[in-house]
Amino acid sequence: MRQIEQLDISYTTRENRCSVFVGVCKSQELFEQYWEKDYDLLHNEYIGFEMGVDFGINTYDEDFAIMIWRKNLTAKIDELVEDAEIFDIDALKRLHPDGLDRPYNAIIVLDRVSYDGSIQEVQNETFGYFKFLGVFDSLQ
């Protein structure tokens, strides 16, 4: 895992907001490695997960996060967000009335994280392509 010092910024919030990301990842195993936390790094003031390194997010609370990988790609919002319905999906559909810009097979919902979108998309050589969709109201 890459060792990048934590940034002097926090996106965590107690507000009912979720940051939503989508991606294209080759396998379930790689997808899990992308968001899995390394607590040794976190305790030593490094960003503790690969996705965090890519998007500049220090950490997230696993109790308020949903990560789903699907074998098949889809641009249909309802299919991609199935089992991840903890945020205002209708707001996402209003932003993308014809579906997403391309097919994806992964969704990451970080509840209680209000990401500023400073990095919109990442092409990671190991893990794949990931894109920030926005911050939405949480239903939790």
N, C-alpha and C. Protein backbone atom coordinates (compact mmCIF):
# COMPACT_ATOMS: atom_id res chain seq x y z
N MET A 1 0.84 -1.18 0.00
CA MET A 1 0.00 0.00 0.00
C MET A 1 0.88 1.25 0.00
N ARG A 2 0.45 2.23 -0.73
CA ARG A 2 1.18 3.49 -0.81
C ARG A 2 1.10 4.24 0.52
N GLN A 3 2.21 4.82 0.94
CA GLN A 3 2.23 5.57 2.20
C GLN A 3 2.21 7.06 1.90
N ILE A 4 1.05 7.65 2.12
CA ILE A 4 0.85 9.09 1.91
C ILE A 4 0.39 9.68 3.24
N GLU A 5 1.07 10.74 3.69
CA GLU A 5 0.68 11.36 4.95
C GLU A 5 -0.74 11.89 4.87
N GLN A 6 -1.44 11.81 6.02
CA GLN A 6 -2.80 12.32 6.08
C GLN A 6 -2.81 13.81 5.74
N LEU A 7 -3.88 14.21 5.10
CA LEU A 7 -4.06 15.61 4.71
C LEU A 7 -4.63 16.41 5.86
N ASP A 8 -4.41 17.69 5.85
CA ASP A 8 -4.92 18.57 6.90
C ASP A 8 -6.34 19.00 6.55
N ILE A 9 -7.20 18.00 6.38
CA ILE A 9 -8.60 18.25 6.03
C ILE A 9 -9.42 17.06 6.48
N SER A 10 -10.64 17.32 6.87
CA SER A 10 -11.53 16.23 7.28
C SER A 10 -12.87 16.38 6.57
N TYR A 11 -13.32 15.30 5.99
CA TYR A 11 -14.62 15.30 5.31
C TYR A 11 -15.70 14.63 6.15
N THR A 12 -15.32 14.10 7.32
CA THR A 12 -16.32 13.44 8.14
C THR A 12 -17.26 14.47 8.74
N THR A 13 -18.50 14.05 8.91
CA THR A 13 -19.53 14.94 9.41
C THR A 13 -20.55 14.14 10.20
N ARG A 14 -21.22 14.79 11.12
CA ARG A 14 -22.31 14.15 11.84
C ARG A 14 -23.64 14.36 11.11
N GLU A 15 -23.59 15.20 10.10
CA GLU A 15 -24.79 15.48 9.32
C GLU A 15 -25.19 14.24 8.52
N ASN A 16 -26.43 14.21 8.12
CA ASN A 16 -26.94 13.08 7.34
C ASN A 16 -26.64 13.28 5.86
N ARG A 17 -25.36 13.14 5.52
CA ARG A 17 -24.91 13.29 4.14
C ARG A 17 -24.04 12.09 3.76
N CYS A 18 -24.10 11.70 2.50
CA CYS A 18 -23.33 10.58 1.96
C CYS A 18 -22.54 11.03 0.75
N SER A 19 -21.33 10.55 0.64
CA SER A 19 -20.54 10.75 -0.57
C SER A 19 -20.60 9.45 -1.37
N VAL A 20 -20.93 9.57 -2.65
CA VAL A 20 -21.16 8.39 -3.49
C VAL A 20 -20.13 8.36 -4.62
N PHE A 21 -19.51 7.19 -4.76
CA PHE A 21 -18.51 6.94 -5.79
C PHE A 21 -18.92 5.69 -6.56
N VAL A 22 -18.59 5.65 -7.83
CA VAL A 22 -18.82 4.45 -8.65
C VAL A 22 -17.50 4.08 -9.31
N GLY A 23 -17.44 2.85 -9.79
CA GLY A 23 -16.19 2.44 -10.41
C GLY A 23 -16.33 1.22 -11.29
N VAL A 24 -15.24 0.94 -11.96
CA VAL A 24 -15.09 -0.28 -12.75
C VAL A 24 -13.84 -0.97 -12.21
N CYS A 25 -14.04 -2.12 -11.59
CA CYS A 25 -12.95 -2.85 -10.96
C CYS A 25 -12.97 -4.29 -11.47
N LYS A 26 -11.80 -4.86 -11.73
CA LYS A 26 -11.69 -6.17 -12.38
C LYS A 26 -12.21 -7.33 -11.53
N SER A 27 -12.07 -7.23 -10.21
CA SER A 27 -12.46 -8.37 -9.37
C SER A 27 -12.93 -7.90 -8.00
N GLN A 28 -13.67 -8.79 -7.33
CA GLN A 28 -14.13 -8.53 -5.97
C GLN A 28 -12.92 -8.34 -5.05
N GLU A 29 -11.91 -9.17 -5.23
CA GLU A 29 -10.71 -9.10 -4.39
C GLU A 29 -10.02 -7.74 -4.51
N LEU A 30 -9.82 -7.27 -5.73
CA LEU A 30 -9.20 -5.95 -5.92
C LEU A 30 -10.07 -4.84 -5.35
N PHE A 31 -11.38 -4.97 -5.54
CA PHE A 31 -12.30 -3.96 -5.01
C PHE A 31 -12.18 -3.87 -3.50
N GLU A 32 -12.14 -5.01 -2.83
CA GLU A 32 -12.01 -5.01 -1.37
C GLU A 32 -10.68 -4.41 -0.94
N GLN A 33 -9.62 -4.70 -1.66
CA GLN A 33 -8.31 -4.12 -1.33
C GLN A 33 -8.33 -2.60 -1.50
N TYR A 34 -9.15 -2.11 -2.40
CA TYR A 34 -9.20 -0.68 -2.68
C TYR A 34 -9.74 0.12 -1.50
N TRP A 35 -10.73 -0.42 -0.80
CA TRP A 35 -11.32 0.34 0.31
C TRP A 35 -10.98 -0.21 1.70
N GLU A 36 -10.28 -1.34 1.75
CA GLU A 36 -9.94 -1.93 3.04
C GLU A 36 -8.94 -1.05 3.79
N LYS A 37 -9.19 -0.86 5.08
CA LYS A 37 -8.34 0.01 5.89
C LYS A 37 -7.10 -0.71 6.40
N ASP A 38 -6.02 0.03 6.48
CA ASP A 38 -4.77 -0.43 7.09
C ASP A 38 -4.59 0.40 8.36
N TYR A 39 -4.91 -0.20 9.50
CA TYR A 39 -4.90 0.56 10.76
C TYR A 39 -3.50 0.95 11.20
N ASP A 40 -2.50 0.16 10.84
CA ASP A 40 -1.13 0.54 11.17
C ASP A 40 -0.78 1.87 10.51
N LEU A 41 -1.14 2.01 9.25
CA LEU A 41 -0.89 3.28 8.55
C LEU A 41 -1.68 4.41 9.19
N LEU A 42 -2.96 4.17 9.48
CA LEU A 42 -3.79 5.21 10.09
C LEU A 42 -3.20 5.69 11.42
N HIS A 43 -2.75 4.75 12.23
CA HIS A 43 -2.19 5.11 13.53
C HIS A 43 -0.86 5.85 13.42
N ASN A 44 -0.23 5.75 12.27
CA ASN A 44 1.04 6.46 12.03
C ASN A 44 0.85 7.70 11.17
N GLU A 45 -0.39 8.20 11.14
CA GLU A 45 -0.72 9.46 10.45
C GLU A 45 -0.61 9.40 8.93
N TYR A 46 -0.82 8.20 8.38
CA TYR A 46 -0.90 8.05 6.93
C TYR A 46 -2.36 7.82 6.53
N ILE A 47 -2.69 8.12 5.29
CA ILE A 47 -4.01 7.77 4.78
C ILE A 47 -4.11 6.26 4.79
N GLY A 48 -5.20 5.73 5.30
CA GLY A 48 -5.27 4.31 5.60
C GLY A 48 -5.96 3.40 4.61
N PHE A 49 -6.25 3.88 3.40
CA PHE A 49 -6.85 2.99 2.40
C PHE A 49 -6.56 3.55 1.02
N GLU A 50 -6.46 2.64 0.04
CA GLU A 50 -6.04 3.02 -1.31
C GLU A 50 -6.98 4.06 -1.94
N MET A 51 -8.28 3.87 -1.77
CA MET A 51 -9.22 4.84 -2.32
C MET A 51 -8.97 6.22 -1.72
N GLY A 52 -8.67 6.25 -0.43
CA GLY A 52 -8.38 7.51 0.24
C GLY A 52 -7.15 8.20 -0.34
N VAL A 53 -6.15 7.41 -0.68
CA VAL A 53 -4.95 7.97 -1.31
C VAL A 53 -5.34 8.60 -2.65
N ASP A 54 -6.15 7.89 -3.43
CA ASP A 54 -6.55 8.40 -4.74
C ASP A 54 -7.38 9.68 -4.66
N PHE A 55 -8.33 9.72 -3.73
CA PHE A 55 -9.26 10.85 -3.66
C PHE A 55 -8.91 11.88 -2.59
N GLY A 56 -7.88 11.62 -1.78
CA GLY A 56 -7.51 12.57 -0.74
C GLY A 56 -8.45 12.55 0.45
N ILE A 57 -8.89 11.36 0.84
CA ILE A 57 -9.77 11.18 1.99
C ILE A 57 -8.98 10.40 3.04
N ASN A 58 -8.79 10.97 4.23
CA ASN A 58 -7.97 10.32 5.24
C ASN A 58 -8.55 9.01 5.73
N THR A 59 -9.85 8.98 6.02
CA THR A 59 -10.47 7.79 6.58
C THR A 59 -11.98 7.87 6.44
N TYR A 60 -12.65 6.82 6.87
CA TYR A 60 -14.11 6.77 6.90
C TYR A 60 -14.50 5.80 8.01
N ASP A 61 -15.75 5.82 8.41
CA ASP A 61 -16.26 4.93 9.45
C ASP A 61 -16.93 3.72 8.78
N GLU A 62 -16.36 2.53 8.99
CA GLU A 62 -16.91 1.32 8.37
C GLU A 62 -18.36 1.05 8.75
N ASP A 63 -18.77 1.51 9.92
CA ASP A 63 -20.15 1.30 10.36
C ASP A 63 -21.14 2.12 9.53
N PHE A 64 -20.63 3.09 8.80
CA PHE A 64 -21.48 3.97 7.99
C PHE A 64 -21.01 3.99 6.54
N ALA A 65 -20.69 2.82 6.02
CA ALA A 65 -20.22 2.73 4.64
C ALA A 65 -20.76 1.47 3.98
N ILE A 66 -21.03 1.58 2.71
CA ILE A 66 -21.48 0.43 1.92
C ILE A 66 -20.62 0.36 0.66
N MET A 67 -20.08 -0.82 0.42
CA MET A 67 -19.28 -1.06 -0.77
C MET A 67 -19.82 -2.30 -1.46
N ILE A 68 -20.21 -2.16 -2.71
CA ILE A 68 -20.78 -3.30 -3.45
C ILE A 68 -20.08 -3.41 -4.80
N TRP A 69 -19.63 -4.62 -5.09
CA TRP A 69 -19.04 -4.95 -6.39
C TRP A 69 -19.97 -5.93 -7.09
N ARG A 70 -20.18 -5.72 -8.36
CA ARG A 70 -21.03 -6.61 -9.16
C ARG A 70 -20.21 -7.18 -10.31
N LYS A 71 -20.53 -8.40 -10.67
CA LYS A 71 -19.80 -9.04 -11.76
C LYS A 71 -20.07 -8.35 -13.09
N ASN A 72 -21.32 -7.92 -13.29
CA ASN A 72 -21.72 -7.32 -14.56
C ASN A 72 -21.76 -5.80 -14.48
N LEU A 73 -21.33 -5.16 -15.55
CA LEU A 73 -21.37 -3.70 -15.65
C LEU A 73 -22.79 -3.24 -15.97
N THR A 74 -23.15 -2.06 -15.46
CA THR A 74 -24.44 -1.47 -15.78
C THR A 74 -24.37 0.05 -15.68
N ALA A 75 -25.11 0.72 -16.54
CA ALA A 75 -25.25 2.18 -16.46
C ALA A 75 -26.59 2.53 -15.81
N LYS A 76 -27.39 1.51 -15.48
CA LYS A 76 -28.70 1.73 -14.87
C LYS A 76 -28.52 1.97 -13.37
N ILE A 77 -28.98 3.11 -12.92
CA ILE A 77 -28.81 3.49 -11.52
C ILE A 77 -29.47 2.49 -10.58
N ASP A 78 -30.71 2.09 -10.87
CA ASP A 78 -31.41 1.15 -9.99
C ASP A 78 -30.64 -0.15 -9.80
N GLU A 79 -30.02 -0.64 -10.86
CA GLU A 79 -29.26 -1.89 -10.76
C GLU A 79 -27.98 -1.70 -9.95
N LEU A 80 -27.31 -0.60 -10.17
CA LEU A 80 -26.04 -0.38 -9.48
C LEU A 80 -26.23 -0.11 -7.99
N VAL A 81 -27.28 0.60 -7.62
CA VAL A 81 -27.46 0.98 -6.21
C VAL A 81 -28.23 -0.06 -5.41
N GLU A 82 -28.67 -1.14 -6.04
CA GLU A 82 -29.39 -2.18 -5.31
C GLU A 82 -28.54 -2.63 -4.12
N ASP A 83 -29.14 -2.68 -2.95
CA ASP A 83 -28.50 -3.03 -1.68
C ASP A 83 -27.61 -1.90 -1.14
N ALA A 84 -27.65 -0.75 -1.76
CA ALA A 84 -26.88 0.41 -1.27
C ALA A 84 -27.80 1.61 -1.09
N GLU A 85 -29.07 1.35 -0.82
CA GLU A 85 -30.08 2.41 -0.80
C GLU A 85 -30.12 3.15 0.53
N ILE A 86 -29.01 3.73 0.93
CA ILE A 86 -28.98 4.50 2.18
C ILE A 86 -28.93 6.00 1.92
N PHE A 87 -29.10 6.38 0.66
CA PHE A 87 -29.06 7.80 0.32
C PHE A 87 -30.20 8.12 -0.64
N ASP A 88 -30.39 9.40 -0.91
CA ASP A 88 -31.48 9.86 -1.77
C ASP A 88 -31.17 9.52 -3.23
N ILE A 89 -31.60 8.34 -3.64
CA ILE A 89 -31.33 7.86 -5.00
C ILE A 89 -32.07 8.70 -6.03
N ASP A 90 -33.23 9.22 -5.67
CA ASP A 90 -33.97 10.08 -6.61
C ASP A 90 -33.16 11.32 -6.98
N ALA A 91 -32.40 11.86 -6.03
CA ALA A 91 -31.54 13.01 -6.33
C ALA A 91 -30.46 12.62 -7.34
N LEU A 92 -29.92 11.43 -7.19
CA LEU A 92 -28.93 10.94 -8.16
C LEU A 92 -29.57 10.77 -9.53
N LYS A 93 -30.78 10.25 -9.56
CA LYS A 93 -31.49 10.07 -10.84
C LYS A 93 -31.81 11.40 -11.50
N ARG A 94 -32.08 12.43 -10.70
CA ARG A 94 -32.32 13.75 -11.28
C ARG A 94 -31.06 14.30 -11.96
N LEU A 95 -29.91 13.98 -11.39
CA LEU A 95 -28.64 14.41 -12.00
C LEU A 95 -28.31 13.62 -13.26
N HIS A 96 -28.79 12.38 -13.31
CA HIS A 96 -28.49 11.48 -14.44
C HIS A 96 -29.80 10.84 -14.92
N PRO A 97 -30.69 11.62 -15.53
CA PRO A 97 -32.01 11.09 -15.92
C PRO A 97 -31.95 9.98 -16.96
N ASP A 98 -30.89 9.91 -17.73
CA ASP A 98 -30.76 8.86 -18.75
C ASP A 98 -29.83 7.75 -18.30
N GLY A 99 -29.54 7.68 -17.02
CA GLY A 99 -28.60 6.69 -16.52
C GLY A 99 -27.21 7.30 -16.40
N LEU A 100 -26.29 6.51 -15.91
CA LEU A 100 -24.93 7.00 -15.71
C LEU A 100 -24.21 7.16 -17.04
N ASP A 101 -23.11 7.89 -17.02
CA ASP A 101 -22.38 8.22 -18.24
C ASP A 101 -21.75 7.02 -18.93
N ARG A 102 -21.57 5.94 -18.19
CA ARG A 102 -20.99 4.72 -18.73
C ARG A 102 -21.33 3.57 -17.78
N PRO A 103 -21.12 2.34 -18.17
CA PRO A 103 -21.40 1.21 -17.27
C PRO A 103 -20.35 1.10 -16.15
N TYR A 104 -20.82 0.75 -14.97
CA TYR A 104 -19.97 0.55 -13.79
C TYR A 104 -20.34 -0.77 -13.14
N ASN A 105 -19.44 -1.29 -12.30
CA ASN A 105 -19.77 -2.50 -11.56
C ASN A 105 -19.48 -2.36 -10.06
N ALA A 106 -19.21 -1.16 -9.61
CA ALA A 106 -18.92 -0.95 -8.20
C ALA A 106 -19.53 0.36 -7.72
N ILE A 107 -20.00 0.32 -6.47
CA ILE A 107 -20.49 1.55 -5.83
C ILE A 107 -19.96 1.59 -4.41
N ILE A 108 -19.54 2.78 -4.01
CA ILE A 108 -19.05 3.01 -2.66
C ILE A 108 -19.83 4.19 -2.10
N VAL A 109 -20.51 3.96 -0.98
CA VAL A 109 -21.28 5.01 -0.33
C VAL A 109 -20.67 5.24 1.05
N LEU A 110 -20.11 6.40 1.26
CA LEU A 110 -19.51 6.76 2.54
C LEU A 110 -20.46 7.70 3.26
N ASP A 111 -21.25 7.11 4.16
CA ASP A 111 -22.19 7.90 4.94
C ASP A 111 -21.41 8.70 5.97
N ARG A 112 -21.93 9.87 6.29
CA ARG A 112 -21.29 10.80 7.22
C ARG A 112 -19.96 11.32 6.70
N VAL A 113 -19.82 11.30 5.39
CA VAL A 113 -18.66 11.90 4.73
C VAL A 113 -19.20 12.87 3.69
N SER A 114 -18.76 14.10 3.78
CA SER A 114 -19.18 15.12 2.82
C SER A 114 -17.95 15.55 2.03
N TYR A 115 -17.64 14.78 1.01
CA TYR A 115 -16.45 15.00 0.18
C TYR A 115 -16.66 16.22 -0.71
N ASP A 116 -15.61 17.02 -0.89
CA ASP A 116 -15.75 18.27 -1.65
C ASP A 116 -15.56 18.09 -3.16
N GLY A 117 -15.24 16.89 -3.59
CA GLY A 117 -15.10 16.65 -5.03
C GLY A 117 -13.84 17.21 -5.63
N SER A 118 -12.83 17.47 -4.80
CA SER A 118 -11.59 18.05 -5.32
C SER A 118 -10.94 17.15 -6.37
N ILE A 119 -11.14 15.87 -6.26
CA ILE A 119 -10.72 14.92 -7.30
C ILE A 119 -11.98 14.22 -7.78
N GLN A 120 -12.31 14.39 -9.03
CA GLN A 120 -13.57 13.87 -9.57
C GLN A 120 -13.47 12.42 -10.06
N GLU A 121 -12.33 12.06 -10.62
CA GLU A 121 -12.19 10.70 -11.14
C GLU A 121 -10.74 10.27 -11.08
N VAL A 122 -10.56 8.95 -11.01
CA VAL A 122 -9.23 8.38 -10.88
C VAL A 122 -9.14 7.14 -11.77
N GLN A 123 -8.07 7.05 -12.51
CA GLN A 123 -7.75 5.81 -13.23
C GLN A 123 -6.55 5.21 -12.50
N ASN A 124 -6.82 4.19 -11.69
CA ASN A 124 -5.78 3.56 -10.89
C ASN A 124 -5.32 2.32 -11.64
N GLU A 125 -4.03 2.24 -11.90
CA GLU A 125 -3.47 1.15 -12.70
C GLU A 125 -3.79 -0.22 -12.12
N THR A 126 -3.81 -0.34 -10.81
CA THR A 126 -4.06 -1.62 -10.15
C THR A 126 -5.54 -1.89 -9.96
N PHE A 127 -6.29 -0.90 -9.49
CA PHE A 127 -7.65 -1.14 -9.03
C PHE A 127 -8.74 -0.80 -10.04
N GLY A 128 -8.47 0.06 -10.98
CA GLY A 128 -9.47 0.39 -11.99
C GLY A 128 -9.82 1.86 -12.03
N TYR A 129 -11.00 2.13 -12.59
CA TYR A 129 -11.48 3.50 -12.77
C TYR A 129 -12.56 3.79 -11.73
N PHE A 130 -12.45 4.94 -11.06
CA PHE A 130 -13.43 5.33 -10.06
C PHE A 130 -13.79 6.80 -10.24
N LYS A 131 -15.06 7.10 -9.95
CA LYS A 131 -15.58 8.45 -10.18
C LYS A 131 -16.45 8.88 -9.00
N PHE A 132 -16.31 10.13 -8.60
CA PHE A 132 -17.14 10.73 -7.56
C PHE A 132 -18.43 11.24 -8.21
N LEU A 133 -19.58 10.79 -7.69
CA LEU A 133 -20.87 11.24 -8.24
C LEU A 133 -21.46 12.42 -7.50
N GLY A 134 -21.13 12.57 -6.22
CA GLY A 134 -21.67 13.69 -5.48
C GLY A 134 -21.99 13.36 -4.04
N VAL A 135 -22.49 14.37 -3.34
CA VAL A 135 -22.91 14.24 -1.94
C VAL A 135 -24.42 14.33 -1.92
N PHE A 136 -25.05 13.37 -1.23
CA PHE A 136 -26.50 13.26 -1.22
C PHE A 136 -27.00 13.12 0.21
N ASP A 137 -28.28 13.43 0.41
CA ASP A 137 -28.88 13.25 1.73
C ASP A 137 -28.87 11.77 2.09
N SER A 138 -28.53 11.51 3.34
CA SER A 138 -28.53 10.14 3.86
C SER A 138 -29.92 9.79 4.38
N LEU A 139 -30.28 8.54 4.26
CA LEU A 139 -31.56 8.07 4.78
C LEU A 139 -31.38 7.36 6.12
N GLN A 140 -30.18 7.38 6.65
CA GLN A 140 -29.91 6.68 7.91
C GLN A 140 -30.13 7.58 9.10
